Amino acid sequence: MATWSNLSLQDSASPLMEQLSFFHDHTMVVVLLITVIVGYVLSYMLIISYTSRNLLHGHLIETIWTTLPAITLIFIALPSLRL
């Protein structure tokens, strides 16, 4: 039974809803991981305030931040295909 103090979804009544609940939990872990990593990098850059020439002219960093979101979206989408 759902109450106001619940932080997650209510108890599942069917197997499909249970799978959706597990998918929701999986997605929230991925979102939390991304938030922690981005927060760490932002705080590190603010504290250090170091400008690297590799960050300004780096093709490697552009490749990484282009492919990393695609990999993350695949990581989130694959469990939803099994539902």
PDB file of N, CA and C in Angstrom:
ATOM      1  N   MET A   1       0.835  -1.175   0.000  1.00  0.00           N
ATOM      2  CA  MET A   1       0.000   0.000   0.000  1.00  0.00           C
ATOM      3  C   MET A   1       0.886   1.246   0.000  1.00  0.00           C
ATOM      4  N   ALA A   2       0.544   2.173  -0.828  1.00  0.00           N
ATOM      5  CA  ALA A   2       1.331   3.394  -0.944  1.00  0.00           C
ATOM      6  C   ALA A   2       0.952   4.377   0.156  1.00  0.00           C
ATOM      7  N   THR A   3       1.968   4.979   0.744  1.00  0.00           N
ATOM      8  CA  THR A   3       1.763   6.035   1.737  1.00  0.00           C
ATOM      9  C   THR A   3       2.587   7.244   1.321  1.00  0.00           C
ATOM     10  N   TRP A   4       2.399   8.345   2.020  1.00  0.00           N
ATOM     11  CA  TRP A   4       3.099   9.574   1.668  1.00  0.00           C
ATOM     12  C   TRP A   4       4.588   9.485   1.937  1.00  0.00           C
ATOM     13  N   SER A   5       5.002   8.610   2.838  1.00  0.00           N
ATOM     14  CA  SER A   5       6.416   8.546   3.211  1.00  0.00           C
ATOM     15  C   SER A   5       7.234   7.589   2.339  1.00  0.00           C
ATOM     16  N   ASN A   6       6.617   6.942   1.353  1.00  0.00           N
ATOM     17  CA  ASN A   6       7.358   6.032   0.475  1.00  0.00           C
ATOM     18  C   ASN A   6       8.282   6.805  -0.457  1.00  0.00           C
ATOM     19  N   LEU A   7       9.489   6.271  -0.642  1.00  0.00           N
ATOM     20  CA  LEU A   7      10.438   6.894  -1.556  1.00  0.00           C
ATOM     21  C   LEU A   7      10.478   6.189  -2.902  1.00  0.00           C
ATOM     22  N   SER A   8       9.920   5.007  -2.994  1.00  0.00           N
ATOM     23  CA  SER A   8       9.942   4.256  -4.241  1.00  0.00           C
ATOM     24  C   SER A   8       8.508   3.945  -4.663  1.00  0.00           C
ATOM     25  N   LEU A   9       8.391   3.083  -5.657  1.00  0.00           N
ATOM     26  CA  LEU A   9       7.072   2.704  -6.151  1.00  0.00           C
ATOM     27  C   LEU A   9       6.355   1.819  -5.146  1.00  0.00           C
ATOM     28  N   GLN A  10       5.035   1.727  -5.261  1.00  0.00           N
ATOM     29  CA  GLN A  10       4.282   0.868  -4.356  1.00  0.00           C
ATOM     30  C   GLN A  10       4.533  -0.597  -4.681  1.00  0.00           C
ATOM     31  N   ASP A  11       4.086  -1.482  -3.803  1.00  0.00           N
ATOM     32  CA  ASP A  11       4.311  -2.910  -3.982  1.00  0.00           C
ATOM     33  C   ASP A  11       3.679  -3.391  -5.288  1.00  0.00           C
ATOM     34  N   SER A  12       4.373  -4.294  -5.945  1.00  0.00           N
ATOM     35  CA  SER A  12       3.927  -4.788  -7.249  1.00  0.00           C
ATOM     36  C   SER A  12       2.787  -5.785  -7.093  1.00  0.00           C
ATOM     37  N   ALA A  13       1.844  -5.718  -8.028  1.00  0.00           N
ATOM     38  CA  ALA A  13       0.721  -6.644  -8.021  1.00  0.00           C
ATOM     39  C   ALA A  13       0.814  -7.652  -9.159  1.00  0.00           C
ATOM     40  N   SER A  14       1.741  -7.451 -10.082  1.00  0.00           N
ATOM     41  CA  SER A  14       1.898  -8.372 -11.204  1.00  0.00           C
ATOM     42  C   SER A  14       3.385  -8.538 -11.505  1.00  0.00           C
ATOM     43  N   PRO A  15       3.738  -9.606 -12.210  1.00  0.00           N
ATOM     44  CA  PRO A  15       5.152  -9.804 -12.559  1.00  0.00           C
ATOM     45  C   PRO A  15       5.714  -8.691 -13.445  1.00  0.00           C
ATOM     46  N   LEU A  16       4.900  -8.163 -14.347  1.00  0.00           N
ATOM     47  CA  LEU A  16       5.371  -7.077 -15.205  1.00  0.00           C
ATOM     48  C   LEU A  16       5.663  -5.822 -14.391  1.00  0.00           C
ATOM     49  N   MET A  17       4.801  -5.529 -13.437  1.00  0.00           N
ATOM     50  CA  MET A  17       5.040  -4.358 -12.592  1.00  0.00           C
ATOM     51  C   MET A  17       6.282  -4.551 -11.731  1.00  0.00           C
ATOM     52  N   GLU A  18       6.544  -5.776 -11.321  1.00  0.00           N
ATOM     53  CA  GLU A  18       7.757  -6.041 -10.552  1.00  0.00           C
ATOM     54  C   GLU A  18       9.003  -5.816 -11.410  1.00  0.00           C
ATOM     55  N   GLN A  19       8.948  -6.219 -12.678  1.00  0.00           N
ATOM     56  CA  GLN A  19      10.069  -5.965 -13.584  1.00  0.00           C
ATOM     57  C   GLN A  19      10.249  -4.470 -13.828  1.00  0.00           C
ATOM     58  N   LEU A  20       9.145  -3.740 -13.948  1.00  0.00           N
ATOM     59  CA  LEU A  20       9.237  -2.291 -14.111  1.00  0.00           C
ATOM     60  C   LEU A  20       9.824  -1.626 -12.874  1.00  0.00           C
ATOM     61  N   SER A  21       9.494  -2.153 -11.718  1.00  0.00           N
ATOM     62  CA  SER A  21      10.061  -1.626 -10.481  1.00  0.00           C
ATOM     63  C   SER A  21      11.564  -1.859 -10.425  1.00  0.00           C
ATOM     64  N   PHE A  22      12.013  -3.053 -10.828  1.00  0.00           N
ATOM     65  CA  PHE A  22      13.451  -3.327 -10.881  1.00  0.00           C
ATOM     66  C   PHE A  22      14.140  -2.441 -11.923  1.00  0.00           C
ATOM     67  N   PHE A  23      13.481  -2.206 -13.051  1.00  0.00           N
ATOM     68  CA  PHE A  23      14.037  -1.320 -14.071  1.00  0.00           C
ATOM     69  C   PHE A  23      14.165   0.107 -13.541  1.00  0.00           C
ATOM     70  N   HIS A  24      13.167   0.555 -12.795  1.00  0.00           N
ATOM     71  CA  HIS A  24      13.222   1.887 -12.190  1.00  0.00           C
ATOM     72  C   HIS A  24      14.403   1.986 -11.230  1.00  0.00           C
ATOM     73  N   ASP A  25      14.595   0.962 -10.414  1.00  0.00           N
ATOM     74  CA  ASP A  25      15.722   0.963  -9.480  1.00  0.00           C
ATOM     75  C   ASP A  25      17.053   0.974 -10.225  1.00  0.00           C
ATOM     76  N   HIS A  26      17.154   0.196 -11.292  1.00  0.00           N
ATOM     77  CA  HIS A  26      18.372   0.145 -12.107  1.00  0.00           C
ATOM     78  C   HIS A  26      18.663   1.514 -12.720  1.00  0.00           C
ATOM     79  N   THR A  27      17.638   2.156 -13.260  1.00  0.00           N
ATOM     80  CA  THR A  27      17.809   3.463 -13.882  1.00  0.00           C
ATOM     81  C   THR A  27      18.213   4.512 -12.854  1.00  0.00           C
ATOM     82  N   MET A  28      17.647   4.457 -11.665  1.00  0.00           N
ATOM     83  CA  MET A  28      18.002   5.420 -10.629  1.00  0.00           C
ATOM     84  C   MET A  28      19.449   5.256 -10.175  1.00  0.00           C
ATOM     85  N   VAL A  29      19.956   4.038 -10.154  1.00  0.00           N
ATOM     86  CA  VAL A  29      21.362   3.818  -9.804  1.00  0.00           C
ATOM     87  C   VAL A  29      22.267   4.438 -10.861  1.00  0.00           C
ATOM     88  N   VAL A  30      21.911   4.269 -12.129  1.00  0.00           N
ATOM     89  CA  VAL A  30      22.712   4.852 -13.213  1.00  0.00           C
ATOM     90  C   VAL A  30      22.683   6.378 -13.130  1.00  0.00           C
ATOM     91  N   VAL A  31      21.520   6.958 -12.895  1.00  0.00           N
ATOM     92  CA  VAL A  31      21.399   8.414 -12.789  1.00  0.00           C
ATOM     93  C   VAL A  31      22.187   8.933 -11.584  1.00  0.00           C
ATOM     94  N   LEU A  32      22.133   8.228 -10.472  1.00  0.00           N
ATOM     95  CA  LEU A  32      22.892   8.630  -9.289  1.00  0.00           C
ATOM     96  C   LEU A  32      24.392   8.556  -9.548  1.00  0.00           C
ATOM     97  N   LEU A  33      24.835   7.525 -10.231  1.00  0.00           N
ATOM     98  CA  LEU A  33      26.252   7.385 -10.563  1.00  0.00           C
ATOM     99  C   LEU A  33      26.720   8.533 -11.458  1.00  0.00           C
ATOM    100  N   ILE A  34      25.930   8.887 -12.452  1.00  0.00           N
ATOM    101  CA  ILE A  34      26.273  10.000 -13.338  1.00  0.00           C
ATOM    102  C   ILE A  34      26.331  11.306 -12.551  1.00  0.00           C
ATOM    103  N   THR A  35      25.372  11.527 -11.662  1.00  0.00           N
ATOM    104  CA  THR A  35      25.344  12.743 -10.865  1.00  0.00           C
ATOM    105  C   THR A  35      26.563  12.861  -9.966  1.00  0.00           C
ATOM    106  N   VAL A  36      26.962  11.759  -9.350  1.00  0.00           N
ATOM    107  CA  VAL A  36      28.133  11.774  -8.471  1.00  0.00           C
ATOM    108  C   VAL A  36      29.403  12.053  -9.268  1.00  0.00           C
ATOM    109  N   ILE A  37      29.553  11.423 -10.413  1.00  0.00           N
ATOM    110  CA  ILE A  37      30.760  11.630 -11.225  1.00  0.00           C
ATOM    111  C   ILE A  37      30.838  13.070 -11.727  1.00  0.00           C
ATOM    112  N   VAL A  38      29.739  13.606 -12.222  1.00  0.00           N
ATOM    113  CA  VAL A  38      29.734  14.983 -12.718  1.00  0.00           C
ATOM    114  C   VAL A  38      29.982  15.962 -11.571  1.00  0.00           C
ATOM    115  N   GLY A  39      29.378  15.721 -10.424  1.00  0.00           N
ATOM    116  CA  GLY A  39      29.624  16.582  -9.265  1.00  0.00           C
ATOM    117  C   GLY A  39      31.067  16.553  -8.816  1.00  0.00           C
ATOM    118  N   TYR A  40      31.679  15.376  -8.836  1.00  0.00           N
ATOM    119  CA  TYR A  40      33.085  15.257  -8.462  1.00  0.00           C
ATOM    120  C   TYR A  40      33.978  16.019  -9.435  1.00  0.00           C
ATOM    121  N   VAL A  41      33.736  15.853 -10.723  1.00  0.00           N
ATOM    122  CA  VAL A  41      34.562  16.539 -11.727  1.00  0.00           C
ATOM    123  C   VAL A  41      34.386  18.054 -11.628  1.00  0.00           C
ATOM    124  N   LEU A  42      33.155  18.520 -11.435  1.00  0.00           N
ATOM    125  CA  LEU A  42      32.926  19.957 -11.309  1.00  0.00           C
ATOM    126  C   LEU A  42      33.606  20.531 -10.076  1.00  0.00           C
ATOM    127  N   SER A  43      33.483  19.851  -8.946  1.00  0.00           N
ATOM    128  CA  SER A  43      34.130  20.352  -7.733  1.00  0.00           C
ATOM    129  C   SER A  43      35.646  20.300  -7.858  1.00  0.00           C
ATOM    130  N   TYR A  44      36.171  19.282  -8.506  1.00  0.00           N
ATOM    131  CA  TYR A  44      37.613  19.189  -8.719  1.00  0.00           C
ATOM    132  C   TYR A  44      38.107  20.343  -9.583  1.00  0.00           C
ATOM    133  N   MET A  45      37.371  20.657 -10.649  1.00  0.00           N
ATOM    134  CA  MET A  45      37.769  21.757 -11.526  1.00  0.00           C
ATOM    135  C   MET A  45      37.666  23.108 -10.819  1.00  0.00           C
ATOM    136  N   LEU A  46      36.667  23.280  -9.953  1.00  0.00           N
ATOM    137  CA  LEU A  46      36.533  24.539  -9.229  1.00  0.00           C
ATOM    138  C   LEU A  46      37.634  24.715  -8.188  1.00  0.00           C
ATOM    139  N   ILE A  47      38.017  23.632  -7.532  1.00  0.00           N
ATOM    140  CA  ILE A  47      39.045  23.716  -6.492  1.00  0.00           C
ATOM    141  C   ILE A  47      40.423  23.917  -7.109  1.00  0.00           C
ATOM    142  N   ILE A  48      40.741  23.164  -8.122  1.00  0.00           N
ATOM    143  CA  ILE A  48      42.076  23.214  -8.717  1.00  0.00           C
ATOM    144  C   ILE A  48      42.248  24.456  -9.597  1.00  0.00           C
ATOM    145  N   SER A  49      41.226  24.800 -10.355  1.00  0.00           N
ATOM    146  CA  SER A  49      41.244  25.895 -11.339  1.00  0.00           C
ATOM    147  C   SER A  49      42.491  25.854 -12.212  1.00  0.00           C
ATOM    148  N   TYR A  50      42.760  24.693 -12.712  1.00  0.00           N
ATOM    149  CA  TYR A  50      43.914  24.440 -13.572  1.00  0.00           C
ATOM    150  C   TYR A  50      43.413  24.268 -14.996  1.00  0.00           C
ATOM    151  N   THR A  51      43.956  25.007 -15.928  1.00  0.00           N
ATOM    152  CA  THR A  51      43.573  24.889 -17.326  1.00  0.00           C
ATOM    153  C   THR A  51      44.654  24.126 -18.071  1.00  0.00           C
ATOM    154  N   SER A  52      44.262  23.004 -18.593  1.00  0.00           N
ATOM    155  CA  SER A  52      45.202  22.171 -19.323  1.00  0.00           C
ATOM    156  C   SER A  52      45.058  22.419 -20.821  1.00  0.00           C
ATOM    157  N   ARG A  53      46.172  22.396 -21.514  1.00  0.00           N
ATOM    158  CA  ARG A  53      46.134  22.564 -22.962  1.00  0.00           C
ATOM    159  C   ARG A  53      45.438  21.375 -23.615  1.00  0.00           C
ATOM    160  N   ASN A  54      45.544  20.199 -22.987  1.00  0.00           N
ATOM    161  CA  ASN A  54      44.892  19.013 -23.538  1.00  0.00           C
ATOM    162  C   ASN A  54      43.377  19.119 -23.468  1.00  0.00           C
ATOM    163  N   LEU A  55      42.852  19.814 -22.446  1.00  0.00           N
ATOM    164  CA  LEU A  55      41.407  19.976 -22.353  1.00  0.00           C
ATOM    165  C   LEU A  55      40.887  20.982 -23.374  1.00  0.00           C
ATOM    166  N   LEU A  56      41.708  21.944 -23.754  1.00  0.00           N
ATOM    167  CA  LEU A  56      41.263  22.953 -24.710  1.00  0.00           C
ATOM    168  C   LEU A  56      41.359  22.469 -26.150  1.00  0.00           C
ATOM    169  N   HIS A  57      42.315  21.613 -26.442  1.00  0.00           N
ATOM    170  CA  HIS A  57      42.522  21.162 -27.815  1.00  0.00           C
ATOM    171  C   HIS A  57      42.521  19.642 -27.919  1.00  0.00           C
ATOM    172  N   GLY A  58      41.808  18.987 -27.038  1.00  0.00           N
ATOM    173  CA  GLY A  58      41.870  17.533 -27.004  1.00  0.00           C
ATOM    174  C   GLY A  58      40.787  16.873 -27.834  1.00  0.00           C
ATOM    175  N   HIS A  59      41.214  16.083 -28.785  1.00  0.00           N
ATOM    176  CA  HIS A  59      40.259  15.302 -29.566  1.00  0.00           C
ATOM    177  C   HIS A  59      39.830  14.068 -28.790  1.00  0.00           C
ATOM    178  N   LEU A  60      40.688  13.602 -27.907  1.00  0.00           N
ATOM    179  CA  LEU A  60      40.352  12.431 -27.103  1.00  0.00           C
ATOM    180  C   LEU A  60      39.195  12.728 -26.157  1.00  0.00           C
ATOM    181  N   ILE A  61      39.224  13.878 -25.498  1.00  0.00           N
ATOM    182  CA  ILE A  61      38.147  14.216 -24.571  1.00  0.00           C
ATOM    183  C   ILE A  61      36.829  14.420 -25.318  1.00  0.00           C
ATOM    184  N   GLU A  62      36.874  14.947 -26.534  1.00  0.00           N
ATOM    185  CA  GLU A  62      35.653  15.093 -27.328  1.00  0.00           C
ATOM    186  C   GLU A  62      35.090  13.732 -27.717  1.00  0.00           C
ATOM    187  N   THR A  63      35.960  12.813 -28.032  1.00  0.00           N
ATOM    188  CA  THR A  63      35.513  11.459 -28.352  1.00  0.00           C
ATOM    189  C   THR A  63      34.898  10.793 -27.132  1.00  0.00           C
ATOM    190  N   ILE A  64      35.508  11.000 -25.985  1.00  0.00           N
ATOM    191  CA  ILE A  64      35.000  10.381 -24.758  1.00  0.00           C
ATOM    192  C   ILE A  64      33.633  10.932 -24.402  1.00  0.00           C
ATOM    193  N   TRP A  65      33.460  12.274 -24.411  1.00  0.00           N
ATOM    194  CA  TRP A  65      32.160  12.780 -23.995  1.00  0.00           C
ATOM    195  C   TRP A  65      31.103  12.688 -25.087  1.00  0.00           C
ATOM    196  N   THR A  66      31.485  12.203 -26.246  1.00  0.00           N
ATOM    197  CA  THR A  66      30.489  11.876 -27.262  1.00  0.00           C
ATOM    198  C   THR A  66      30.030  10.426 -27.137  1.00  0.00           C
ATOM    199  N   THR A  67      30.966   9.523 -26.888  1.00  0.00           N
ATOM    200  CA  THR A  67      30.608   8.105 -26.813  1.00  0.00           C
ATOM    201  C   THR A  67      30.076   7.699 -25.443  1.00  0.00           C
ATOM    202  N   LEU A  68      30.491   8.367 -24.382  1.00  0.00           N
ATOM    203  CA  LEU A  68      30.044   7.982 -23.043  1.00  0.00           C
ATOM    204  C   LEU A  68      28.532   8.120 -22.857  1.00  0.00           C
ATOM    205  N   PRO A  69      27.881   9.209 -23.307  1.00  0.00           N
ATOM    206  CA  PRO A  69      26.420   9.246 -23.206  1.00  0.00           C
ATOM    207  C   PRO A  69      25.730   8.160 -24.032  1.00  0.00           C
ATOM    208  N   ALA A  70      26.288   7.824 -25.185  1.00  0.00           N
ATOM    209  CA  ALA A  70      25.694   6.759 -25.996  1.00  0.00           C
ATOM    210  C   ALA A  70      25.782   5.421 -25.275  1.00  0.00           C
ATOM    211  N   ILE A  71      26.913   5.152 -24.665  1.00  0.00           N
ATOM    212  CA  ILE A  71      27.068   3.903 -23.908  1.00  0.00           C
ATOM    213  C   ILE A  71      26.135   3.893 -22.707  1.00  0.00           C
ATOM    214  N   THR A  72      25.987   5.032 -22.045  1.00  0.00           N
ATOM    215  CA  THR A  72      25.085   5.124 -20.895  1.00  0.00           C
ATOM    216  C   THR A  72      23.642   4.885 -21.312  1.00  0.00           C
ATOM    217  N   LEU A  73      23.227   5.463 -22.428  1.00  0.00           N
ATOM    218  CA  LEU A  73      21.861   5.240 -22.903  1.00  0.00           C
ATOM    219  C   LEU A  73      21.624   3.785 -23.284  1.00  0.00           C
ATOM    220  N   ILE A  74      22.610   3.146 -23.860  1.00  0.00           N
ATOM    221  CA  ILE A  74      22.486   1.720 -24.171  1.00  0.00           C
ATOM    222  C   ILE A  74      22.378   0.915 -22.885  1.00  0.00           C
ATOM    223  N   PHE A  75      23.172   1.280 -21.877  1.00  0.00           N
ATOM    224  CA  PHE A  75      23.144   0.589 -20.589  1.00  0.00           C
ATOM    225  C   PHE A  75      21.782   0.720 -19.916  1.00  0.00           C
ATOM    226  N   ILE A  76      21.115   1.849 -20.111  1.00  0.00           N
ATOM    227  CA  ILE A  76      19.776   2.042 -19.548  1.00  0.00           C
ATOM    228  C   ILE A  76      18.722   1.356 -20.414  1.00  0.00           C
ATOM    229  N   ALA A  77      18.887   1.373 -21.733  1.00  0.00           N
ATOM    230  CA  ALA A  77      17.850   0.872 -22.632  1.00  0.00           C
ATOM    231  C   ALA A  77      17.794  -0.646 -22.714  1.00  0.00           C
ATOM    232  N   LEU A  78      18.906  -1.329 -22.573  1.00  0.00           N
ATOM    233  CA  LEU A  78      18.901  -2.786 -22.731  1.00  0.00           C
ATOM    234  C   LEU A  78      17.986  -3.504 -21.736  1.00  0.00           C
ATOM    235  N   PRO A  79      17.961  -3.149 -20.446  1.00  0.00           N
ATOM    236  CA  PRO A  79      17.007  -3.829 -19.563  1.00  0.00           C
ATOM    237  C   PRO A  79      15.549  -3.556 -19.923  1.00  0.00           C
ATOM    238  N   SER A  80      15.249  -2.400 -20.498  1.00  0.00           N
ATOM    239  CA  SER A  80      13.859  -2.116 -20.850  1.00  0.00           C
ATOM    240  C   SER A  80      13.394  -2.938 -22.045  1.00  0.00           C
ATOM    241  N   LEU A  81      14.311  -3.419 -22.870  1.00  0.00           N
ATOM    242  CA  LEU A  81      13.918  -4.241 -24.015  1.00  0.00           C
ATOM    243  C   LEU A  81      13.436  -5.621 -23.582  1.00  0.00           C
ATOM    244  N   ARG A  82      13.856  -6.067 -22.406  1.00  0.00           N
ATOM    245  CA  ARG A  82      13.427  -7.378 -21.923  1.00  0.00           C
ATOM    246  C   ARG A  82      12.038  -7.340 -21.306  1.00  0.00           C
ATOM    247  N   LEU A  83      11.461  -6.164 -21.094  1.00  0.00           N
ATOM    248  CA  LEU A  83      10.132  -6.069 -20.486  1.00  0.00           C
ATOM    249  C   LEU A  83       9.085  -6.377 -21.464  1.00  0.00           C
TER     250      LEU A  83
END
